[in-house]
Amino acid sequence: MDQLRSVLGLFLLMALAWTLSTNRRAVPWRVVIWGTMFQIVVGIFVFLLPVGGPFFLAVNKIVFSLLDSASAGTQFLFGRLALPPGTANEQGETSLGFFLAFQALPTLVFFASLVGLLYHLGIMQLLIRGFSRIFTALMGISGAESLAASSNIFVGVESALAIRPYLERMTRSELCTVLTAGMATVASTVMGLYVTLLGDVFPNIAGHLVSASVLSAPAAVVMSKLLVPEDGRPETAGKNVAPVSERASNWIEATINGAASGLRLVAGVAALLLAFLGLVHLVDQIVGGLGGLVNTRAGWSVDWSLSSLLGYAFYPLTWILGVATGDVGACARLIGERTILTEVPAYQELASLMAGGGISARSAVITAYALCGFAHVPSLAIFVGGISALAPSRTKDLASLGFRGLLAAILATLMTGAVAGAFVSGDTILGMK
């Protein structure tokens, strides 16, 4: 029954996007149908086919091996502070507990450096072009849109550099797709961070996050085209375009450049967490104080914190994802937190819920998929500002499309969660037993 609810939720989410469309008559149904079919095929491969499970378990093992490599540098720099909880180093020193700044954030530098090296070797471009060709052929979207969506499977806001020559002349619908794809997906550079947060309680999380990243790209295109259908003629319609990238002179320079980018990313993530966690706490104090007066006068017992209020708002959307009925409130709260606080605190709280047995295995898998994306207010400023810097003449269009792009991204990540819910079960090889 829960799986049927997920299937129903998949179509209800698309129906909601269609209801809010700027032009319901112009919706490109080819994009919607083939984009949805692509996700279903990926879901079947991951969760049902005998070869799919072992493949993603192998990916899971590779990611954890990379994290072990990343920990060598962090332990050298930070000593016991870098040891994960419950572990000890070669000197017999035990962990002092979990520290986000010393155990999770430094992995961004390692993964950014690795991605830079893969770009230099041409491996990343090959993967991006492969997905781009599939998206163009199946969904019939422009080559520039396909390239943006496929790039975001692997990288973050820097994916806009791959389509920089086309940004100035893109239609509004294309720009919305670029924004949505950026906010609905996650960069491979931060995937290691999520794995670090959840790895102890969710051993196969890396395979799931890779699956979620692939699923979210077509979901972003579907939701973007439902909300802002194409009403112009894209310059790269029906064409396959190659990604634009600056190649380093050698592998050492590529590694150095990647590490420098990772360091900037660490600083950016840390700054956002410091700022938004503090601001939300301030707002919670104000709203909580006013809400307390309302509770006293009306005899209510409502939790007036922002995360709780957003949890109430996301409750029906979380229910249709197919999570266990008793877990809907907790999962909705996490999705609400992600919307304003970024996905990092949400994944931390998900790990705590799982460690304490406060959420079922099925609900945990669905929520992990639904949280996997930059679909939050902080990233809205990052993507609108970053892309505007590359295409100054389109700043007004990007600013006006920003919140629609964010809405499309939120719906896309929920769609990814619904796809996972349609297939995940207790005996799934990637599931938690």
Protein backbone atom coordinates (compact mmCIF):
# COMPACT_ATOMS: atom_id res chain seq x y z
CA MET A 1 0.00 0.00 0.00
CA ASP A 2 2.82 2.42 0.83
CA GLN A 3 4.42 1.74 -2.55
CA LEU A 4 1.14 2.50 -4.32
CA ARG A 5 1.00 5.77 -2.37
CA SER A 6 4.46 6.62 -3.76
CA VAL A 7 3.29 5.93 -7.32
CA LEU A 8 0.24 8.13 -6.77
CA GLY A 9 2.48 10.80 -5.25
CA LEU A 10 4.68 10.82 -8.32
CA PHE A 11 1.74 11.94 -10.47
CA LEU A 12 0.25 14.25 -7.85
CA LEU A 13 3.54 16.18 -7.67
CA MET A 14 3.52 16.64 -11.44
CA ALA A 15 -0.15 17.65 -11.31
CA LEU A 16 0.70 20.30 -8.71
CA ALA A 17 3.46 21.69 -10.92
CA TRP A 18 1.08 21.74 -13.91
CA THR A 19 -1.53 23.61 -11.83
CA LEU A 20 1.06 26.32 -11.05
CA SER A 21 2.35 26.49 -14.65
CA THR A 22 2.79 29.81 -16.43
CA ASN A 23 1.13 28.29 -19.51
CA ARG A 24 -0.68 25.00 -18.94
CA ARG A 25 -1.55 24.63 -22.62
CA ALA A 26 2.09 24.81 -23.72
CA VAL A 27 3.42 22.03 -21.49
CA PRO A 28 5.74 19.78 -23.56
CA TRP A 29 4.31 16.37 -22.73
CA ARG A 30 7.18 14.59 -24.48
CA VAL A 31 9.52 16.00 -21.81
CA VAL A 32 7.17 14.96 -19.00
CA ILE A 33 6.58 11.43 -20.30
CA TRP A 34 10.16 10.57 -21.27
CA GLY A 35 11.66 12.30 -18.24
CA THR A 36 9.40 10.26 -15.96
CA MET A 37 10.11 7.06 -17.90
CA PHE A 38 13.86 7.65 -17.55
CA GLN A 39 13.48 7.84 -13.76
CA ILE A 40 11.36 4.70 -13.66
CA VAL A 41 13.95 2.80 -15.72
CA VAL A 42 16.72 3.92 -13.35
CA GLY A 43 14.56 2.89 -10.38
CA ILE A 44 13.99 -0.55 -11.89
CA PHE A 45 17.72 -0.94 -12.55
CA VAL A 46 18.71 0.09 -9.04
CA PHE A 47 16.06 -1.66 -6.97
CA LEU A 48 14.73 -4.59 -9.02
CA LEU A 49 17.23 -5.90 -11.58
CA PRO A 50 19.76 -8.43 -10.26
CA VAL A 51 22.65 -6.49 -11.81
CA GLY A 52 21.57 -3.10 -10.46
CA GLY A 53 22.03 -3.80 -6.77
CA PRO A 54 25.58 -5.17 -7.04
CA PHE A 55 26.54 -2.30 -9.34
CA PHE A 56 25.50 0.37 -6.87
CA LEU A 57 26.92 -1.58 -3.94
CA ALA A 58 30.23 -1.52 -5.82
CA VAL A 59 29.82 2.26 -6.24
CA ASN A 60 29.06 2.45 -2.52
CA LYS A 61 32.31 0.61 -1.74
CA ILE A 62 34.31 2.90 -4.03
CA VAL A 63 32.93 6.04 -2.36
CA PHE A 64 33.76 4.73 1.11
CA SER A 65 37.26 3.85 -0.08
CA LEU A 66 37.66 7.42 -1.30
CA LEU A 67 36.47 8.69 2.08
CA ASP A 68 39.10 6.55 3.79
CA SER A 69 41.69 8.20 1.56
CA ALA A 70 40.32 11.64 2.41
CA SER A 71 40.54 10.87 6.13
CA ALA A 72 44.31 10.38 5.85
CA GLY A 73 44.78 14.09 5.26
CA THR A 74 42.25 15.22 7.86
CA GLN A 75 43.74 13.00 10.57
CA PHE A 76 47.22 14.27 9.78
CA LEU A 77 46.03 17.87 10.18
CA PHE A 78 43.53 17.56 13.04
CA GLY A 79 44.57 14.42 14.89
CA ARG A 80 41.94 12.96 17.23
CA LEU A 81 39.42 15.62 16.21
CA ALA A 82 39.23 13.96 12.77
CA LEU A 83 38.54 10.46 14.11
CA PRO A 84 34.93 9.32 13.53
CA PRO A 85 33.01 8.35 16.68
CA GLY A 86 33.90 4.91 18.01
CA THR A 87 37.23 4.63 16.17
CA ALA A 88 40.89 4.86 17.15
CA ASN A 89 44.09 5.72 15.29
CA GLU A 90 47.33 3.74 15.02
CA GLN A 91 48.62 5.34 18.22
CA GLY A 92 45.61 4.01 20.13
CA GLU A 93 44.01 7.43 20.57
CA THR A 94 40.21 7.27 20.57
CA SER A 95 37.72 9.61 18.94
CA LEU A 96 36.52 12.67 20.83
CA GLY A 97 33.13 12.53 19.08
CA PHE A 98 31.68 13.95 15.88
CA PHE A 99 32.85 17.38 14.70
CA LEU A 100 31.37 18.62 11.44
CA ALA A 101 34.20 21.09 10.85
CA PHE A 102 36.97 18.51 11.31
CA GLN A 103 35.47 15.29 9.96
CA ALA A 104 32.90 16.15 7.29
CA LEU A 105 33.72 19.53 5.74
CA PRO A 106 37.40 18.70 4.89
CA THR A 107 36.20 15.89 2.60
CA LEU A 108 34.97 18.63 0.25
CA VAL A 109 38.57 19.63 -0.47
CA PHE A 110 39.57 16.06 -1.33
CA PHE A 111 36.57 15.44 -3.60
CA ALA A 112 36.94 18.80 -5.34
CA SER A 113 40.57 17.98 -6.06
CA LEU A 114 39.58 14.54 -7.38
CA VAL A 115 36.92 16.06 -9.66
CA GLY A 116 39.49 18.56 -10.97
CA LEU A 117 41.80 15.67 -11.82
CA LEU A 118 38.98 13.77 -13.55
CA TYR A 119 38.23 16.88 -15.62
CA HIS A 120 41.87 17.11 -16.65
CA LEU A 121 41.84 13.46 -17.73
CA GLY A 122 38.66 14.03 -19.77
CA ILE A 123 36.66 11.43 -17.82
CA MET A 124 34.16 13.93 -16.40
CA GLN A 125 33.45 15.48 -19.82
CA LEU A 126 32.82 12.01 -21.25
CA LEU A 127 30.24 11.21 -18.55
CA ILE A 128 28.53 14.59 -18.91
CA ARG A 129 28.28 14.34 -22.69
CA GLY A 130 26.87 10.82 -22.40
CA PHE A 131 23.99 11.90 -20.16
CA SER A 132 23.48 15.06 -22.24
CA ARG A 133 22.98 13.06 -25.43
CA ILE A 134 20.47 10.79 -23.68
CA PHE A 135 18.45 13.75 -22.37
CA THR A 136 18.41 15.50 -25.75
CA ALA A 137 17.39 12.35 -27.62
CA LEU A 138 14.67 11.26 -25.20
CA MET A 139 13.12 14.50 -24.00
CA GLY A 140 13.79 16.71 -27.01
CA ILE A 141 15.07 19.63 -24.94
CA SER A 142 17.79 21.94 -26.20
CA GLY A 143 21.40 20.82 -26.18
CA ALA A 144 22.36 23.58 -23.72
CA GLU A 145 19.63 22.49 -21.27
CA SER A 146 20.68 18.86 -21.55
CA LEU A 147 24.28 19.81 -20.90
CA ALA A 148 23.31 21.87 -17.84
CA ALA A 149 21.20 19.05 -16.39
CA SER A 150 23.82 16.38 -16.99
CA SER A 151 26.63 18.58 -15.63
CA ASN A 152 24.74 19.04 -12.39
CA ILE A 153 24.79 15.31 -11.75
CA PHE A 154 28.51 15.69 -11.08
CA VAL A 155 29.25 19.32 -10.20
CA GLY A 156 27.53 22.32 -8.60
CA VAL A 157 27.14 25.99 -9.55
CA GLU A 158 30.32 25.76 -11.65
CA SER A 159 28.27 23.65 -14.11
CA ALA A 160 27.08 26.96 -15.60
CA LEU A 161 30.58 27.41 -17.00
CA ALA A 162 29.94 24.44 -19.31
CA ILE A 163 27.17 26.40 -21.09
CA ARG A 164 28.58 29.90 -20.66
CA PRO A 165 28.56 30.74 -24.43
CA TYR A 166 24.78 30.11 -24.58
CA LEU A 167 23.54 31.80 -21.39
CA GLU A 168 23.04 35.28 -22.85
CA ARG A 169 20.77 33.95 -25.62
CA MET A 170 18.77 31.35 -23.69
CA THR A 171 15.00 31.54 -23.47
CA ARG A 172 13.33 32.09 -20.09
CA SER A 173 12.26 28.44 -20.02
CA GLU A 174 15.86 27.33 -20.60
CA LEU A 175 17.12 29.62 -17.83
CA CYS A 176 14.54 28.19 -15.45
CA THR A 177 15.77 24.69 -16.31
CA VAL A 178 19.36 25.73 -15.62
CA LEU A 179 18.38 27.13 -12.20
CA THR A 180 16.21 24.13 -11.35
CA ALA A 181 18.83 21.57 -12.36
CA GLY A 182 21.39 23.36 -10.18
CA MET A 183 19.17 23.42 -7.09
CA ALA A 184 17.55 19.99 -7.52
CA THR A 185 20.82 18.07 -7.73
CA VAL A 186 23.97 17.76 -5.63
CA ALA A 187 27.60 18.03 -6.63
CA SER A 188 29.85 15.01 -6.31
CA THR A 189 32.14 17.23 -4.23
CA VAL A 190 29.58 17.38 -1.39
CA MET A 191 28.34 13.81 -1.68
CA GLY A 192 31.23 12.71 0.51
CA LEU A 193 29.94 15.07 3.20
CA TYR A 194 26.53 13.40 3.23
CA VAL A 195 28.09 9.95 3.29
CA THR A 196 30.18 10.99 6.28
CA LEU A 197 27.07 12.19 8.12
CA LEU A 198 25.01 9.04 7.44
CA GLY A 199 27.57 6.30 6.87
CA ASP A 200 27.54 4.88 10.41
CA VAL A 201 23.77 4.37 10.54
CA PHE A 202 23.14 3.81 6.82
CA PRO A 203 25.99 1.64 5.45
CA ASN A 204 24.80 1.71 1.82
CA ILE A 205 24.03 5.43 1.68
CA ALA A 206 26.65 6.21 -0.97
CA GLY A 207 24.96 3.95 -3.54
CA HIS A 208 21.61 5.56 -2.78
CA LEU A 209 22.99 9.10 -3.13
CA VAL A 210 24.53 8.29 -6.51
CA SER A 211 21.16 6.90 -7.58
CA ALA A 212 19.37 10.01 -6.26
CA SER A 213 21.77 12.30 -8.12
CA VAL A 214 21.02 10.53 -11.42
CA LEU A 215 17.27 10.54 -10.79
CA SER A 216 17.09 14.22 -9.86
CA ALA A 217 18.47 15.52 -13.16
CA PRO A 218 15.52 14.40 -15.36
CA ALA A 219 13.14 15.22 -12.49
CA ALA A 220 14.46 18.79 -12.55
CA VAL A 221 13.81 19.06 -16.30
CA VAL A 222 10.28 17.68 -15.92
CA MET A 223 9.30 20.05 -13.11
CA SER A 224 10.92 23.05 -14.76
CA LYS A 225 9.08 22.47 -18.04
CA LEU A 226 5.78 21.97 -16.21
CA LEU A 227 6.17 25.25 -14.31
CA VAL A 228 7.72 27.33 -17.13
CA PRO A 229 6.99 25.71 -20.52
CA GLU A 230 8.97 26.72 -23.57
CA ASP A 231 7.41 29.60 -25.54
CA GLY A 232 10.42 30.56 -27.65
CA ARG A 233 12.90 28.90 -29.99
CA PRO A 234 16.09 27.73 -28.25
CA GLU A 235 19.28 28.32 -30.17
CA THR A 236 20.51 24.78 -29.52
CA ALA A 237 17.18 23.01 -30.09
CA GLY A 238 17.80 19.45 -31.27
CA LYS A 239 21.58 19.89 -31.13
CA ASN A 240 24.22 18.15 -29.04
CA VAL A 241 26.69 20.67 -27.63
CA ALA A 242 30.04 19.99 -26.01
CA PRO A 243 30.86 21.25 -22.51
CA VAL A 244 33.18 24.24 -22.29
CA SER A 245 35.98 23.81 -19.76
CA GLU A 246 39.38 25.31 -19.07
CA ARG A 247 41.97 22.56 -19.18
CA ALA A 248 44.89 22.71 -16.77
CA SER A 249 48.41 22.43 -18.18
CA ASN A 250 49.09 19.22 -16.22
CA TRP A 251 47.60 16.94 -13.58
CA ILE A 252 49.38 18.73 -10.75
CA GLU A 253 47.82 22.07 -11.67
CA ALA A 254 44.41 20.39 -12.03
CA THR A 255 44.74 18.90 -8.55
CA ILE A 256 45.86 22.21 -7.04
CA ASN A 257 43.02 24.13 -8.71
CA GLY A 258 40.51 21.56 -7.51
CA ALA A 259 41.80 21.74 -3.94
CA ALA A 260 41.59 25.55 -4.01
CA SER A 261 38.00 25.34 -5.24
CA GLY A 262 37.22 22.85 -2.49
CA LEU A 263 38.66 25.18 0.14
CA ARG A 264 36.42 28.00 -1.11
CA LEU A 265 33.49 25.59 -1.00
CA VAL A 266 34.26 24.67 2.61
CA ALA A 267 34.37 28.36 3.53
CA GLY A 268 31.08 28.97 1.72
CA VAL A 269 29.27 26.05 3.37
CA ALA A 270 30.59 27.00 6.80
CA ALA A 271 29.59 30.66 6.33
CA LEU A 272 26.07 29.70 5.19
CA LEU A 273 25.59 27.38 8.16
CA LEU A 274 26.84 30.00 10.62
CA ALA A 275 24.66 32.73 9.14
CA PHE A 276 21.43 30.83 8.50
CA LEU A 277 21.46 28.73 11.66
CA GLY A 278 21.91 31.92 13.67
CA LEU A 279 19.25 33.84 11.75
CA VAL A 280 16.74 31.01 11.96
CA HIS A 281 17.36 30.71 15.70
CA LEU A 282 16.70 34.46 16.02
CA VAL A 283 13.48 34.19 14.02
CA ASP A 284 12.47 31.14 16.08
CA GLN A 285 12.86 33.15 19.27
CA ILE A 286 10.67 35.96 17.91
CA VAL A 287 8.03 33.70 16.35
CA GLY A 288 8.13 31.35 19.34
CA GLY A 289 7.51 34.22 21.74
CA LEU A 290 4.55 35.50 19.75
CA GLY A 291 3.28 31.97 19.22
CA GLY A 292 3.49 31.32 22.94
CA LEU A 293 1.10 34.20 23.53
CA VAL A 294 -1.29 32.74 20.95
CA ASN A 295 -1.05 29.30 22.59
CA THR A 296 -1.84 30.83 26.00
CA ARG A 297 -4.88 32.75 24.74
CA ALA A 298 -6.24 30.00 22.50
CA GLY A 299 -5.30 27.04 24.67
CA TRP A 300 -3.20 25.51 21.88
CA SER A 301 0.05 23.53 22.09
CA VAL A 302 1.48 24.39 18.65
CA ASP A 303 5.26 24.36 18.10
CA TRP A 304 5.90 27.75 16.45
CA SER A 305 9.48 27.12 15.29
CA LEU A 306 10.15 27.63 11.57
CA SER A 307 11.11 23.99 11.02
CA SER A 308 7.89 22.82 12.66
CA LEU A 309 5.73 25.28 10.72
CA LEU A 310 7.37 24.19 7.47
CA GLY A 311 6.91 20.61 8.61
CA TYR A 312 3.17 21.24 8.82
CA ALA A 313 3.26 22.74 5.32
CA PHE A 314 5.17 19.79 3.88
CA TYR A 315 3.09 17.17 5.71
CA PRO A 316 0.71 16.33 2.80
CA LEU A 317 3.55 16.34 0.27
CA THR A 318 5.60 14.03 2.50
CA TRP A 319 2.65 11.69 3.00
CA ILE A 320 2.23 11.16 -0.74
CA LEU A 321 5.90 10.14 -1.00
CA GLY A 322 4.92 6.87 0.68
CA VAL A 323 6.79 7.12 3.99
CA ALA A 324 5.30 5.18 6.89
CA THR A 325 2.30 7.05 8.28
CA GLY A 326 3.82 7.31 11.74
CA ASP A 327 6.99 8.86 10.29
CA VAL A 328 5.35 11.56 8.16
CA GLY A 329 5.64 14.30 10.78
CA ALA A 330 9.35 13.71 11.43
CA CYS A 331 10.19 13.40 7.72
CA ALA A 332 8.17 16.50 6.81
CA ARG A 333 10.06 18.46 9.45
CA LEU A 334 13.39 17.40 7.90
CA ILE A 335 12.28 18.48 4.43
CA GLY A 336 11.07 21.77 5.89
CA GLU A 337 14.45 22.26 7.60
CA ARG A 338 16.25 21.58 4.32
CA THR A 339 14.24 24.33 2.63
CA ILE A 340 15.63 27.05 4.91
CA LEU A 341 18.74 25.61 6.58
CA THR A 342 20.35 23.60 3.72
CA GLU A 343 20.46 19.82 3.58
CA VAL A 344 23.42 19.44 5.98
CA PRO A 345 21.49 19.93 9.28
CA ALA A 346 18.62 17.88 7.84
CA TYR A 347 20.93 14.93 7.09
CA GLN A 348 22.46 15.27 10.56
CA GLU A 349 19.02 15.03 12.17
CA LEU A 350 18.09 12.14 9.86
CA ALA A 351 21.18 10.29 11.12
CA SER A 352 20.11 10.96 14.72
CA LEU A 353 16.59 9.68 14.05
CA MET A 354 17.95 6.52 12.45
CA ALA A 355 20.44 5.92 15.26
CA GLY A 356 17.67 6.20 17.83
CA GLY A 357 15.25 3.98 15.91
CA GLY A 358 12.85 6.89 15.48
CA ILE A 359 12.18 6.20 11.80
CA SER A 360 11.57 3.07 9.72
CA ALA A 361 14.07 1.81 7.15
CA ARG A 362 11.73 2.56 4.24
CA SER A 363 11.02 6.08 5.45
CA ALA A 364 14.75 6.69 5.91
CA VAL A 365 15.54 5.68 2.32
CA ILE A 366 12.76 7.85 0.86
CA THR A 367 13.74 10.84 2.99
CA ALA A 368 17.42 10.46 2.09
CA TYR A 369 16.42 10.68 -1.60
CA ALA A 370 14.05 13.62 -1.05
CA LEU A 371 16.72 15.59 0.84
CA CYS A 372 19.38 15.00 -1.82
CA GLY A 373 19.53 18.41 -3.49
CA PHE A 374 20.41 22.07 -3.07
CA ALA A 375 16.69 22.94 -3.02
CA HIS A 376 16.84 25.58 -0.31
CA VAL A 377 16.78 29.36 0.08
CA PRO A 378 20.56 29.80 0.55
CA SER A 379 21.33 28.11 -2.78
CA LEU A 380 18.79 30.35 -4.54
CA ALA A 381 21.07 33.33 -3.94
CA ILE A 382 24.14 31.31 -4.91
CA PHE A 383 22.77 30.10 -8.26
CA VAL A 384 21.01 33.30 -9.28
CA GLY A 385 24.06 35.35 -8.34
CA GLY A 386 26.57 32.95 -9.86
CA ILE A 387 24.81 32.61 -13.20
CA SER A 388 24.07 36.35 -13.34
CA ALA A 389 27.79 37.00 -13.05
CA LEU A 390 28.32 34.90 -16.20
CA ALA A 391 25.41 36.49 -18.10
CA PRO A 392 24.88 40.04 -16.73
CA SER A 393 22.27 40.94 -19.35
CA ARG A 394 19.98 38.18 -18.04
CA THR A 395 20.07 39.22 -14.38
CA LYS A 396 16.49 40.52 -14.42
CA ASP A 397 15.17 37.30 -15.97
CA LEU A 398 17.14 35.13 -13.57
CA ALA A 399 15.91 37.11 -10.56
CA SER A 400 12.27 36.85 -11.69
CA LEU A 401 12.63 33.10 -12.31
CA GLY A 402 14.47 32.39 -9.07
CA PHE A 403 11.58 31.36 -6.85
CA ARG A 404 9.93 29.34 -9.63
CA GLY A 405 13.23 27.55 -10.07
CA LEU A 406 13.39 26.87 -6.33
CA LEU A 407 9.81 25.56 -6.31
CA ALA A 408 10.59 23.32 -9.28
CA ALA A 409 13.72 22.07 -7.51
CA ILE A 410 11.80 21.24 -4.32
CA LEU A 411 9.17 19.35 -6.33
CA ALA A 412 11.93 17.57 -8.28
CA THR A 413 13.63 16.29 -5.13
CA LEU A 414 10.27 15.14 -3.79
CA MET A 415 9.68 13.41 -7.11
CA THR A 416 12.99 11.59 -6.67
CA GLY A 417 11.83 10.49 -3.22
CA ALA A 418 8.55 9.23 -4.68
CA VAL A 419 10.38 7.19 -7.34
CA ALA A 420 12.51 5.59 -4.63
CA GLY A 421 9.39 4.91 -2.58
CA ALA A 422 7.75 3.16 -5.52
CA PHE A 423 10.52 0.54 -5.56
CA VAL A 424 12.20 0.29 -2.16
CA SER A 425 11.18 -2.56 0.09
CA GLY A 426 12.56 -4.44 3.08
CA ASP A 427 14.41 -7.01 0.96
CA THR A 428 15.86 -4.53 -1.57
CA ILE A 429 19.61 -5.08 -1.91
CA LEU A 430 20.26 -1.37 -1.43
CA GLY A 431 17.75 -1.10 1.37
CA MET A 432 18.34 -1.24 5.12
CA LYS A 433 17.50 -4.52 6.80
